[in-house]
Amino acid sequence: MPNKLHRHPPNPQASASASFEGVVLPHLDAAYNLARWLARDDTDAQDVVQEALLRALRYYASFHGGDARVWLLAIVRNTFYSLRMKVPADGVHEAFDDEMHAPPDEQPGPEAQTLLALDVGSLQRALENLPHPLREAIVLRELEECSYKEIASITGQKIGTVMSRLARARERLRLELSCPSKEARQHDVP
């Protein structure tokens, strides 16, 4: 007669945790990127992502498939705005780490490096100057490559609103980047 092994019943919490790790955690970089652009501060972005992941884990049972990236980005966005409501407006950090968002190092020459630094810095400043709704739309579309439908799902807006915000964000960026800055005008030769 074969020996009967005592089997323990499967632990549903362990399998849910493993499922969460496999489905949600691959999108951690996208979550941090969105949080970083919304919060404009590394520490605040880390706090937003940490709180968002806790919320995502807590409500993972309510996730019934679909696009986990969109689901997580929606949680990150909502977490940012709910945490922002708790902090007075003067407590918002406006610092920005230029090195974090610098382009990959492809060893351009000194002149190209100077021009590239001016261009990247100008784009970063232009993005920072956008109001939150426009900035989040352009970051989700251009940096996270979300579709209009995904952005609508993440932000809870209609697709028409998303399209309108993207058009306004692009126009404001175009205007700000096409107008020479005061610093550039100071260096112009008459």
N, C-alpha and C. Protein backbone atom coordinates (compact mmCIF):
# COMPACT_ATOMS: atom_id res chain seq x y z
N MET A 1 0.85 -1.17 0.00
CA MET A 1 0.00 0.00 0.00
C MET A 1 0.89 1.24 0.00
N PRO A 2 0.68 2.16 -0.95
CA PRO A 2 1.54 3.34 -1.02
C PRO A 2 1.30 4.27 0.16
N ASN A 3 2.37 4.95 0.51
CA ASN A 3 2.26 5.93 1.60
C ASN A 3 1.46 7.12 1.13
N LYS A 4 0.56 7.54 1.95
CA LYS A 4 -0.22 8.75 1.62
C LYS A 4 0.52 9.95 2.19
N LEU A 5 0.81 10.85 1.31
CA LEU A 5 1.46 12.08 1.75
C LEU A 5 0.40 13.05 2.23
N HIS A 6 0.73 13.71 3.28
CA HIS A 6 -0.20 14.73 3.78
C HIS A 6 0.01 15.99 2.95
N ARG A 7 -0.98 16.35 2.22
CA ARG A 7 -0.88 17.56 1.41
C ARG A 7 -1.60 18.68 2.11
N HIS A 8 -0.94 19.81 2.04
CA HIS A 8 -1.56 21.01 2.59
C HIS A 8 -2.41 21.65 1.50
N PRO A 9 -3.54 22.19 1.88
CA PRO A 9 -4.35 22.85 0.87
C PRO A 9 -3.58 24.05 0.30
N PRO A 10 -3.78 24.36 -0.98
CA PRO A 10 -3.07 25.49 -1.57
C PRO A 10 -3.40 26.79 -0.84
N ASN A 11 -2.41 27.62 -0.72
CA ASN A 11 -2.57 28.90 -0.04
C ASN A 11 -3.06 29.93 -1.06
N PRO A 12 -4.34 30.34 -0.98
CA PRO A 12 -4.86 31.28 -1.98
C PRO A 12 -4.15 32.63 -1.93
N GLN A 13 -3.69 33.03 -0.75
CA GLN A 13 -3.02 34.32 -0.63
C GLN A 13 -1.67 34.29 -1.36
N ALA A 14 -0.96 33.17 -1.27
CA ALA A 14 0.34 33.04 -1.95
C ALA A 14 0.15 33.02 -3.46
N SER A 15 -0.88 32.35 -3.95
CA SER A 15 -1.09 32.31 -5.40
C SER A 15 -1.56 33.66 -5.91
N ALA A 16 -2.34 34.39 -5.14
CA ALA A 16 -2.76 35.74 -5.54
C ALA A 16 -1.56 36.67 -5.57
N SER A 17 -0.67 36.52 -4.60
CA SER A 17 0.54 37.35 -4.57
C SER A 17 1.43 37.06 -5.77
N ALA A 18 1.58 35.80 -6.12
CA ALA A 18 2.39 35.43 -7.27
C ALA A 18 1.75 35.96 -8.55
N SER A 19 0.44 35.87 -8.64
CA SER A 19 -0.27 36.39 -9.80
C SER A 19 -0.09 37.90 -9.90
N PHE A 20 -0.21 38.59 -8.78
CA PHE A 20 -0.02 40.04 -8.74
C PHE A 20 1.37 40.40 -9.25
N GLU A 21 2.37 39.68 -8.74
CA GLU A 21 3.75 39.96 -9.16
C GLU A 21 3.93 39.75 -10.65
N GLY A 22 3.32 38.74 -11.20
CA GLY A 22 3.47 38.45 -12.61
C GLY A 22 2.69 39.39 -13.53
N VAL A 23 1.55 39.87 -13.04
CA VAL A 23 0.67 40.69 -13.88
C VAL A 23 0.97 42.18 -13.72
N VAL A 24 1.18 42.64 -12.51
CA VAL A 24 1.27 44.08 -12.23
C VAL A 24 2.71 44.59 -12.20
N LEU A 25 3.60 43.88 -11.56
CA LEU A 25 4.96 44.38 -11.37
C LEU A 25 5.75 44.63 -12.66
N PRO A 26 5.46 43.94 -13.76
CA PRO A 26 6.18 44.30 -14.99
C PRO A 26 5.93 45.74 -15.45
N HIS A 27 4.90 46.37 -14.93
CA HIS A 27 4.55 47.73 -15.34
C HIS A 27 5.02 48.78 -14.31
N LEU A 28 5.91 48.38 -13.45
CA LEU A 28 6.41 49.26 -12.40
C LEU A 28 7.14 50.48 -12.97
N ASP A 29 7.92 50.29 -14.03
CA ASP A 29 8.63 51.42 -14.64
C ASP A 29 7.66 52.45 -15.20
N ALA A 30 6.62 51.99 -15.87
CA ALA A 30 5.61 52.91 -16.41
C ALA A 30 4.91 53.65 -15.27
N ALA A 31 4.65 52.95 -14.19
CA ALA A 31 4.00 53.57 -13.04
C ALA A 31 4.88 54.67 -12.45
N TYR A 32 6.16 54.36 -12.30
CA TYR A 32 7.08 55.36 -11.74
C TYR A 32 7.23 56.55 -12.70
N ASN A 33 7.32 56.28 -13.99
CA ASN A 33 7.47 57.36 -14.96
C ASN A 33 6.29 58.33 -14.89
N LEU A 34 5.08 57.79 -14.85
CA LEU A 34 3.90 58.66 -14.74
C LEU A 34 3.93 59.43 -13.42
N ALA A 35 4.21 58.74 -12.33
CA ALA A 35 4.26 59.40 -11.02
C ALA A 35 5.32 60.48 -10.99
N ARG A 36 6.45 60.24 -11.62
CA ARG A 36 7.55 61.21 -11.63
C ARG A 36 7.16 62.48 -12.38
N TRP A 37 6.47 62.32 -13.51
CA TRP A 37 6.06 63.49 -14.27
C TRP A 37 4.93 64.24 -13.59
N LEU A 38 4.07 63.52 -12.89
CA LEU A 38 2.99 64.21 -12.18
C LEU A 38 3.51 64.91 -10.93
N ALA A 39 4.32 64.21 -10.15
CA ALA A 39 4.80 64.76 -8.87
C ALA A 39 5.98 65.72 -9.06
N ARG A 40 6.76 65.53 -10.09
CA ARG A 40 7.94 66.35 -10.37
C ARG A 40 8.97 66.28 -9.24
N ASP A 41 9.02 65.18 -8.54
CA ASP A 41 9.98 65.00 -7.46
C ASP A 41 10.18 63.49 -7.27
N ASP A 42 11.44 63.06 -7.20
CA ASP A 42 11.74 61.63 -7.07
C ASP A 42 11.12 61.01 -5.82
N THR A 43 11.31 61.66 -4.70
CA THR A 43 10.80 61.12 -3.44
C THR A 43 9.28 61.04 -3.45
N ASP A 44 8.63 62.09 -3.91
CA ASP A 44 7.17 62.07 -3.98
C ASP A 44 6.68 61.00 -4.96
N ALA A 45 7.39 60.85 -6.06
CA ALA A 45 7.00 59.83 -7.04
C ALA A 45 7.13 58.43 -6.44
N GLN A 46 8.19 58.20 -5.69
CA GLN A 46 8.36 56.90 -5.04
C GLN A 46 7.23 56.65 -4.04
N ASP A 47 6.84 57.69 -3.29
CA ASP A 47 5.74 57.56 -2.35
C ASP A 47 4.43 57.24 -3.07
N VAL A 48 4.21 57.91 -4.19
CA VAL A 48 2.98 57.68 -4.97
C VAL A 48 2.95 56.25 -5.47
N VAL A 49 4.06 55.78 -6.03
CA VAL A 49 4.10 54.42 -6.56
C VAL A 49 3.93 53.39 -5.45
N GLN A 50 4.57 53.63 -4.33
CA GLN A 50 4.44 52.69 -3.21
C GLN A 50 2.99 52.61 -2.74
N GLU A 51 2.35 53.75 -2.56
CA GLU A 51 0.95 53.77 -2.14
C GLU A 51 0.06 53.15 -3.21
N ALA A 52 0.35 53.43 -4.48
CA ALA A 52 -0.44 52.86 -5.58
C ALA A 52 -0.32 51.34 -5.62
N LEU A 53 0.89 50.84 -5.39
CA LEU A 53 1.07 49.38 -5.38
C LEU A 53 0.34 48.74 -4.21
N LEU A 54 0.34 49.40 -3.08
CA LEU A 54 -0.43 48.88 -1.94
C LEU A 54 -1.92 48.83 -2.27
N ARG A 55 -2.41 49.89 -2.91
CA ARG A 55 -3.82 49.92 -3.30
C ARG A 55 -4.11 48.85 -4.35
N ALA A 56 -3.20 48.70 -5.31
CA ALA A 56 -3.39 47.70 -6.36
C ALA A 56 -3.43 46.29 -5.76
N LEU A 57 -2.54 46.03 -4.82
CA LEU A 57 -2.53 44.71 -4.16
C LEU A 57 -3.81 44.50 -3.36
N ARG A 58 -4.23 45.54 -2.66
CA ARG A 58 -5.44 45.45 -1.84
C ARG A 58 -6.66 45.14 -2.70
N TYR A 59 -6.73 45.72 -3.89
CA TYR A 59 -7.90 45.56 -4.75
C TYR A 59 -7.64 44.65 -5.95
N TYR A 60 -6.58 43.87 -5.88
CA TYR A 60 -6.24 43.01 -7.00
C TYR A 60 -7.35 42.01 -7.31
N ALA A 61 -8.07 41.58 -6.32
CA ALA A 61 -9.17 40.63 -6.54
C ALA A 61 -10.25 41.23 -7.44
N SER A 62 -10.34 42.56 -7.48
CA SER A 62 -11.35 43.21 -8.32
C SER A 62 -10.87 43.37 -9.77
N PHE A 63 -9.61 43.07 -10.04
CA PHE A 63 -9.07 43.13 -11.39
C PHE A 63 -9.46 41.85 -12.11
N HIS A 64 -10.25 42.00 -13.15
CA HIS A 64 -10.77 40.82 -13.86
C HIS A 64 -10.18 40.72 -15.26
N GLY A 65 -8.89 40.86 -15.35
CA GLY A 65 -8.24 40.76 -16.65
C GLY A 65 -8.20 42.11 -17.34
N GLY A 66 -7.92 42.08 -18.61
CA GLY A 66 -7.77 43.33 -19.33
C GLY A 66 -6.32 43.78 -19.30
N ASP A 67 -6.12 45.04 -19.54
CA ASP A 67 -4.77 45.59 -19.61
C ASP A 67 -4.31 46.02 -18.22
N ALA A 68 -3.41 45.24 -17.64
CA ALA A 68 -2.93 45.52 -16.28
C ALA A 68 -2.17 46.84 -16.23
N ARG A 69 -1.50 47.20 -17.31
CA ARG A 69 -0.74 48.47 -17.35
C ARG A 69 -1.70 49.65 -17.22
N VAL A 70 -2.77 49.62 -17.96
CA VAL A 70 -3.76 50.70 -17.89
C VAL A 70 -4.38 50.74 -16.50
N TRP A 71 -4.70 49.58 -15.95
CA TRP A 71 -5.30 49.50 -14.62
C TRP A 71 -4.35 50.10 -13.58
N LEU A 72 -3.06 49.73 -13.65
CA LEU A 72 -2.08 50.25 -12.69
C LEU A 72 -1.86 51.75 -12.88
N LEU A 73 -1.75 52.22 -14.12
CA LEU A 73 -1.54 53.66 -14.35
C LEU A 73 -2.73 54.48 -13.85
N ALA A 74 -3.92 53.93 -13.97
CA ALA A 74 -5.09 54.62 -13.42
C ALA A 74 -4.99 54.73 -11.90
N ILE A 75 -4.52 53.68 -11.26
CA ILE A 75 -4.35 53.70 -9.80
C ILE A 75 -3.27 54.70 -9.42
N VAL A 76 -2.17 54.73 -10.17
CA VAL A 76 -1.08 55.69 -9.90
C VAL A 76 -1.62 57.11 -10.01
N ARG A 77 -2.34 57.38 -11.08
CA ARG A 77 -2.89 58.72 -11.29
C ARG A 77 -3.84 59.11 -10.15
N ASN A 78 -4.75 58.22 -9.81
CA ASN A 78 -5.70 58.52 -8.74
C ASN A 78 -5.01 58.66 -7.40
N THR A 79 -3.98 57.86 -7.17
CA THR A 79 -3.22 57.96 -5.92
C THR A 79 -2.52 59.31 -5.84
N PHE A 80 -1.90 59.73 -6.94
CA PHE A 80 -1.23 61.03 -6.96
C PHE A 80 -2.21 62.14 -6.59
N TYR A 81 -3.36 62.17 -7.24
CA TYR A 81 -4.31 63.24 -6.99
C TYR A 81 -4.92 63.16 -5.58
N SER A 82 -5.13 61.96 -5.07
CA SER A 82 -5.67 61.87 -3.71
C SER A 82 -4.62 62.29 -2.68
N LEU A 83 -3.35 61.94 -2.89
CA LEU A 83 -2.30 62.37 -1.97
C LEU A 83 -2.05 63.87 -2.10
N ARG A 84 -2.17 64.39 -3.31
CA ARG A 84 -1.97 65.83 -3.55
C ARG A 84 -3.03 66.66 -2.82
N MET A 85 -4.23 66.12 -2.73
CA MET A 85 -5.30 66.85 -2.03
C MET A 85 -5.02 66.96 -0.54
N LYS A 86 -4.25 66.03 0.00
CA LYS A 86 -3.93 66.04 1.42
C LYS A 86 -2.83 67.03 1.77
N VAL A 87 -2.03 67.43 0.76
CA VAL A 87 -0.89 68.32 0.98
C VAL A 87 -1.27 69.73 0.52
N PRO A 88 -1.01 70.74 1.36
CA PRO A 88 -1.29 72.11 0.92
C PRO A 88 -0.48 72.46 -0.32
N ALA A 89 -1.00 73.37 -1.14
CA ALA A 89 -0.38 73.73 -2.41
C ALA A 89 1.06 74.20 -2.24
N ASP A 90 1.36 74.90 -1.15
CA ASP A 90 2.72 75.38 -0.97
C ASP A 90 3.69 74.26 -0.59
N GLY A 91 3.18 73.07 -0.30
CA GLY A 91 4.03 71.94 0.05
C GLY A 91 4.45 71.13 -1.16
N VAL A 92 3.97 71.49 -2.36
CA VAL A 92 4.32 70.75 -3.56
C VAL A 92 5.75 71.11 -3.97
N HIS A 93 6.55 70.09 -4.24
CA HIS A 93 7.93 70.31 -4.65
C HIS A 93 7.96 70.57 -6.15
N GLU A 94 8.77 71.52 -6.57
CA GLU A 94 8.88 71.85 -7.98
C GLU A 94 10.26 71.50 -8.54
N ALA A 95 11.10 70.87 -7.77
CA ALA A 95 12.45 70.54 -8.23
C ALA A 95 12.38 69.48 -9.33
N PHE A 96 13.33 69.52 -10.23
CA PHE A 96 13.36 68.57 -11.33
C PHE A 96 14.79 68.12 -11.56
N ASP A 97 14.99 66.84 -11.71
CA ASP A 97 16.31 66.28 -11.89
C ASP A 97 16.60 66.16 -13.39
N ASP A 98 17.41 67.08 -13.92
CA ASP A 98 17.73 67.08 -15.34
C ASP A 98 18.45 65.81 -15.76
N GLU A 99 19.31 65.28 -14.91
CA GLU A 99 20.09 64.10 -15.28
C GLU A 99 19.22 62.86 -15.45
N MET A 100 18.14 62.79 -14.69
CA MET A 100 17.28 61.61 -14.76
C MET A 100 16.62 61.48 -16.12
N HIS A 101 16.29 62.60 -16.73
CA HIS A 101 15.57 62.56 -18.00
C HIS A 101 16.44 62.97 -19.18
N ALA A 102 17.74 62.91 -19.01
CA ALA A 102 18.66 63.23 -20.11
C ALA A 102 18.62 62.10 -21.13
N PRO A 103 18.91 62.40 -22.37
CA PRO A 103 18.90 61.35 -23.40
C PRO A 103 20.03 60.36 -23.18
N PRO A 104 19.93 59.18 -23.79
CA PRO A 104 21.00 58.19 -23.62
C PRO A 104 22.32 58.73 -24.17
N ASP A 105 23.40 58.30 -23.55
CA ASP A 105 24.72 58.78 -23.93
C ASP A 105 25.18 58.09 -25.20
N GLU A 106 25.24 58.85 -26.30
CA GLU A 106 25.71 58.32 -27.57
C GLU A 106 27.00 59.01 -27.99
N GLN A 107 27.67 59.67 -27.08
CA GLN A 107 28.95 60.33 -27.27
C GLN A 107 28.95 61.37 -28.40
N PRO A 108 28.01 62.31 -28.40
CA PRO A 108 28.08 63.38 -29.40
C PRO A 108 29.23 64.32 -29.04
N GLY A 109 29.63 65.14 -30.02
CA GLY A 109 30.69 66.10 -29.80
C GLY A 109 30.27 67.19 -28.84
N PRO A 110 31.19 68.05 -28.40
CA PRO A 110 30.89 69.10 -27.44
C PRO A 110 29.80 70.07 -27.92
N GLU A 111 29.85 70.45 -29.21
CA GLU A 111 28.82 71.37 -29.71
C GLU A 111 27.45 70.71 -29.69
N ALA A 112 27.42 69.46 -30.14
CA ALA A 112 26.15 68.72 -30.15
C ALA A 112 25.64 68.52 -28.73
N GLN A 113 26.55 68.27 -27.79
CA GLN A 113 26.14 68.10 -26.40
C GLN A 113 25.51 69.38 -25.86
N THR A 114 26.09 70.51 -26.19
CA THR A 114 25.55 71.79 -25.72
C THR A 114 24.16 72.03 -26.31
N LEU A 115 24.02 71.83 -27.61
CA LEU A 115 22.72 72.02 -28.25
C LEU A 115 21.69 71.03 -27.73
N LEU A 116 22.11 69.79 -27.55
CA LEU A 116 21.22 68.77 -27.04
C LEU A 116 20.77 69.11 -25.63
N ALA A 117 21.67 69.57 -24.79
CA ALA A 117 21.31 69.94 -23.42
C ALA A 117 20.31 71.08 -23.43
N LEU A 118 20.49 72.05 -24.31
CA LEU A 118 19.53 73.16 -24.41
C LEU A 118 18.18 72.65 -24.85
N ASP A 119 18.15 71.75 -25.86
CA ASP A 119 16.89 71.22 -26.36
C ASP A 119 16.16 70.39 -25.31
N VAL A 120 16.87 69.47 -24.65
CA VAL A 120 16.26 68.62 -23.64
C VAL A 120 15.78 69.47 -22.46
N GLY A 121 16.62 70.40 -22.05
CA GLY A 121 16.22 71.28 -20.94
C GLY A 121 15.01 72.11 -21.30
N SER A 122 14.94 72.59 -22.53
CA SER A 122 13.79 73.38 -22.97
C SER A 122 12.53 72.53 -22.97
N LEU A 123 12.64 71.31 -23.46
CA LEU A 123 11.48 70.42 -23.49
C LEU A 123 11.03 70.07 -22.08
N GLN A 124 11.97 69.79 -21.19
CA GLN A 124 11.61 69.47 -19.81
C GLN A 124 10.91 70.65 -19.15
N ARG A 125 11.45 71.85 -19.34
CA ARG A 125 10.81 73.04 -18.76
C ARG A 125 9.42 73.26 -19.36
N ALA A 126 9.31 73.05 -20.66
CA ALA A 126 8.01 73.22 -21.31
C ALA A 126 7.00 72.21 -20.77
N LEU A 127 7.43 70.97 -20.58
CA LEU A 127 6.53 69.95 -20.01
C LEU A 127 6.14 70.31 -18.58
N GLU A 128 7.11 70.78 -17.81
CA GLU A 128 6.83 71.15 -16.42
C GLU A 128 5.84 72.30 -16.33
N ASN A 129 5.86 73.20 -17.32
CA ASN A 129 4.99 74.36 -17.29
C ASN A 129 3.55 74.04 -17.69
N LEU A 130 3.32 72.86 -18.23
CA LEU A 130 1.95 72.49 -18.60
C LEU A 130 1.12 72.24 -17.34
N PRO A 131 -0.15 72.59 -17.36
CA PRO A 131 -1.03 72.22 -16.24
C PRO A 131 -1.12 70.70 -16.13
N HIS A 132 -1.41 70.19 -14.94
CA HIS A 132 -1.44 68.74 -14.70
C HIS A 132 -2.27 67.97 -15.72
N PRO A 133 -3.50 68.38 -16.04
CA PRO A 133 -4.29 67.57 -16.99
C PRO A 133 -3.64 67.46 -18.36
N LEU A 134 -3.01 68.54 -18.83
CA LEU A 134 -2.35 68.49 -20.12
C LEU A 134 -1.07 67.68 -20.05
N ARG A 135 -0.31 67.86 -18.95
CA ARG A 135 0.95 67.13 -18.79
C ARG A 135 0.71 65.63 -18.71
N GLU A 136 -0.29 65.23 -17.92
CA GLU A 136 -0.53 63.79 -17.79
C GLU A 136 -0.97 63.19 -19.12
N ALA A 137 -1.75 63.91 -19.90
CA ALA A 137 -2.19 63.40 -21.20
C ALA A 137 -1.00 63.23 -22.14
N ILE A 138 -0.14 64.22 -22.20
CA ILE A 138 1.00 64.14 -23.13
C ILE A 138 2.02 63.10 -22.67
N VAL A 139 2.22 62.96 -21.37
CA VAL A 139 3.14 61.94 -20.85
C VAL A 139 2.60 60.55 -21.14
N LEU A 140 1.31 60.34 -20.91
CA LEU A 140 0.73 59.03 -21.18
C LEU A 140 0.78 58.68 -22.67
N ARG A 141 0.56 59.66 -23.52
CA ARG A 141 0.54 59.41 -24.97
C ARG A 141 1.94 59.28 -25.55
N GLU A 142 2.79 60.25 -25.27
CA GLU A 142 4.09 60.30 -25.94
C GLU A 142 5.18 59.52 -25.24
N LEU A 143 5.17 59.48 -23.92
CA LEU A 143 6.23 58.77 -23.20
C LEU A 143 5.84 57.33 -22.89
N GLU A 144 4.58 57.12 -22.52
CA GLU A 144 4.12 55.77 -22.19
C GLU A 144 3.44 55.09 -23.37
N GLU A 145 3.25 55.83 -24.46
CA GLU A 145 2.68 55.30 -25.71
C GLU A 145 1.32 54.64 -25.52
N CYS A 146 0.50 55.25 -24.67
CA CYS A 146 -0.86 54.76 -24.47
C CYS A 146 -1.74 55.24 -25.62
N SER A 147 -2.73 54.44 -25.97
CA SER A 147 -3.69 54.84 -26.99
C SER A 147 -4.66 55.86 -26.38
N TYR A 148 -5.41 56.52 -27.23
CA TYR A 148 -6.40 57.48 -26.73
C TYR A 148 -7.39 56.76 -25.82
N LYS A 149 -7.79 55.56 -26.22
CA LYS A 149 -8.74 54.78 -25.42
C LYS A 149 -8.16 54.45 -24.04
N GLU A 150 -6.87 54.07 -24.02
CA GLU A 150 -6.22 53.75 -22.75
C GLU A 150 -6.12 54.99 -21.87
N ILE A 151 -5.77 56.12 -22.47
CA ILE A 151 -5.67 57.37 -21.69
C ILE A 151 -7.04 57.73 -21.12
N ALA A 152 -8.08 57.56 -21.92
CA ALA A 152 -9.45 57.83 -21.44
C ALA A 152 -9.79 56.93 -20.26
N SER A 153 -9.38 55.68 -20.35
CA SER A 153 -9.64 54.74 -19.26
C SER A 153 -8.85 55.11 -18.00
N ILE A 154 -7.60 55.48 -18.18
CA ILE A 154 -6.74 55.84 -17.04
C ILE A 154 -7.24 57.09 -16.34
N THR A 155 -7.60 58.11 -17.13
CA THR A 155 -7.98 59.40 -16.55
C THR A 155 -9.45 59.53 -16.24
N GLY A 156 -10.25 58.58 -16.74
CA GLY A 156 -11.69 58.66 -16.50
C GLY A 156 -12.35 59.74 -17.34
N GLN A 157 -11.73 60.12 -18.44
CA GLN A 157 -12.27 61.15 -19.33
C GLN A 157 -12.79 60.51 -20.60
N LYS A 158 -13.59 61.28 -21.35
CA LYS A 158 -14.05 60.82 -22.65
C LYS A 158 -12.90 60.95 -23.64
N ILE A 159 -12.95 60.15 -24.70
CA ILE A 159 -11.89 60.18 -25.70
C ILE A 159 -11.78 61.57 -26.32
N GLY A 160 -12.90 62.23 -26.53
CA GLY A 160 -12.88 63.59 -27.09
C GLY A 160 -12.12 64.55 -26.19
N THR A 161 -12.29 64.41 -24.88
CA THR A 161 -11.57 65.25 -23.92
C THR A 161 -10.08 64.95 -23.98
N VAL A 162 -9.74 63.67 -24.09
CA VAL A 162 -8.33 63.28 -24.20
C VAL A 162 -7.73 63.90 -25.46
N MET A 163 -8.42 63.79 -26.56
CA MET A 163 -7.92 64.34 -27.82
C MET A 163 -7.75 65.86 -27.72
N SER A 164 -8.71 66.51 -27.09
CA SER A 164 -8.64 67.96 -26.92
C SER A 164 -7.45 68.35 -26.05
N ARG A 165 -7.26 67.64 -24.95
CA ARG A 165 -6.14 67.93 -24.06
C ARG A 165 -4.80 67.70 -24.76
N LEU A 166 -4.72 66.63 -25.53
CA LEU A 166 -3.48 66.37 -26.26
C LEU A 166 -3.21 67.47 -27.28
N ALA A 167 -4.24 67.91 -27.97
CA ALA A 167 -4.06 68.97 -28.97
C ALA A 167 -3.60 70.26 -28.28
N ARG A 168 -4.23 70.60 -27.15
CA ARG A 168 -3.83 71.82 -26.43
C ARG A 168 -2.42 71.68 -25.87
N ALA A 169 -2.08 70.50 -25.35
CA ALA A 169 -0.73 70.29 -24.81
C ALA A 169 0.31 70.41 -25.91
N ARG A 170 0.06 69.81 -27.05
CA ARG A 170 1.00 69.88 -28.16
C ARG A 170 1.16 71.31 -28.65
N GLU A 171 0.05 72.03 -28.73
CA GLU A 171 0.11 73.42 -29.19
C GLU A 171 0.91 74.28 -28.22
N ARG A 172 0.67 74.09 -26.91
CA ARG A 172 1.42 74.87 -25.91
C ARG A 172 2.90 74.53 -25.95
N LEU A 173 3.22 73.25 -26.12
CA LEU A 173 4.62 72.86 -26.24
C LEU A 173 5.24 73.45 -27.49
N ARG A 174 4.53 73.40 -28.62
CA ARG A 174 5.04 73.95 -29.87
C ARG A 174 5.32 75.44 -29.73
N LEU A 175 4.37 76.16 -29.13
CA LEU A 175 4.55 77.60 -28.96
C LEU A 175 5.74 77.91 -28.05
N GLU A 176 5.83 77.20 -26.94
CA GLU A 176 6.90 77.47 -25.99
C GLU A 176 8.27 77.09 -26.56
N LEU A 177 8.32 76.03 -27.34
CA LEU A 177 9.60 75.60 -27.89
C LEU A 177 10.00 76.38 -29.14
N SER A 178 9.02 76.97 -29.83
CA SER A 178 9.35 77.72 -31.04
C SER A 178 9.71 79.17 -30.75
N CYS A 179 9.26 79.70 -29.61
CA CYS A 179 9.61 81.07 -29.23
C CYS A 179 10.97 81.05 -28.56
N PRO A 180 11.90 81.86 -29.06
CA PRO A 180 13.21 81.89 -28.40
C PRO A 180 13.08 82.41 -26.98
N SER A 181 13.78 81.76 -26.08
CA SER A 181 13.74 82.17 -24.69
C SER A 181 14.52 83.47 -24.49
N LYS A 182 14.33 84.06 -23.33
CA LYS A 182 15.08 85.29 -23.00
C LYS A 182 16.57 85.02 -23.06
N GLU A 183 16.99 83.88 -22.52
CA GLU A 183 18.41 83.55 -22.49
C GLU A 183 18.96 83.43 -23.91
N ALA A 184 18.22 82.79 -24.81
CA ALA A 184 18.68 82.64 -26.18
C ALA A 184 18.71 84.00 -26.87
N ARG A 185 17.72 84.86 -26.60
CA ARG A 185 17.70 86.18 -27.23
C ARG A 185 18.85 87.05 -26.74
N GLN A 186 19.30 86.84 -25.50
CA GLN A 186 20.41 87.62 -24.97
C GLN A 186 21.70 87.30 -25.72
N HIS A 187 21.81 86.10 -26.23
CA HIS A 187 23.03 85.68 -26.91
C HIS A 187 22.98 85.92 -28.42
N ASP A 188 21.84 86.41 -28.91
CA ASP A 188 21.72 86.69 -30.34
C ASP A 188 22.62 87.88 -30.69
N VAL A 189 23.19 87.81 -31.85
CA VAL A 189 24.02 88.90 -32.35
C VAL A 189 23.11 89.84 -33.13
N PRO A 190 23.15 91.17 -32.83
CA PRO A 190 22.25 92.08 -33.52
C PRO A 190 22.61 92.25 -34.98
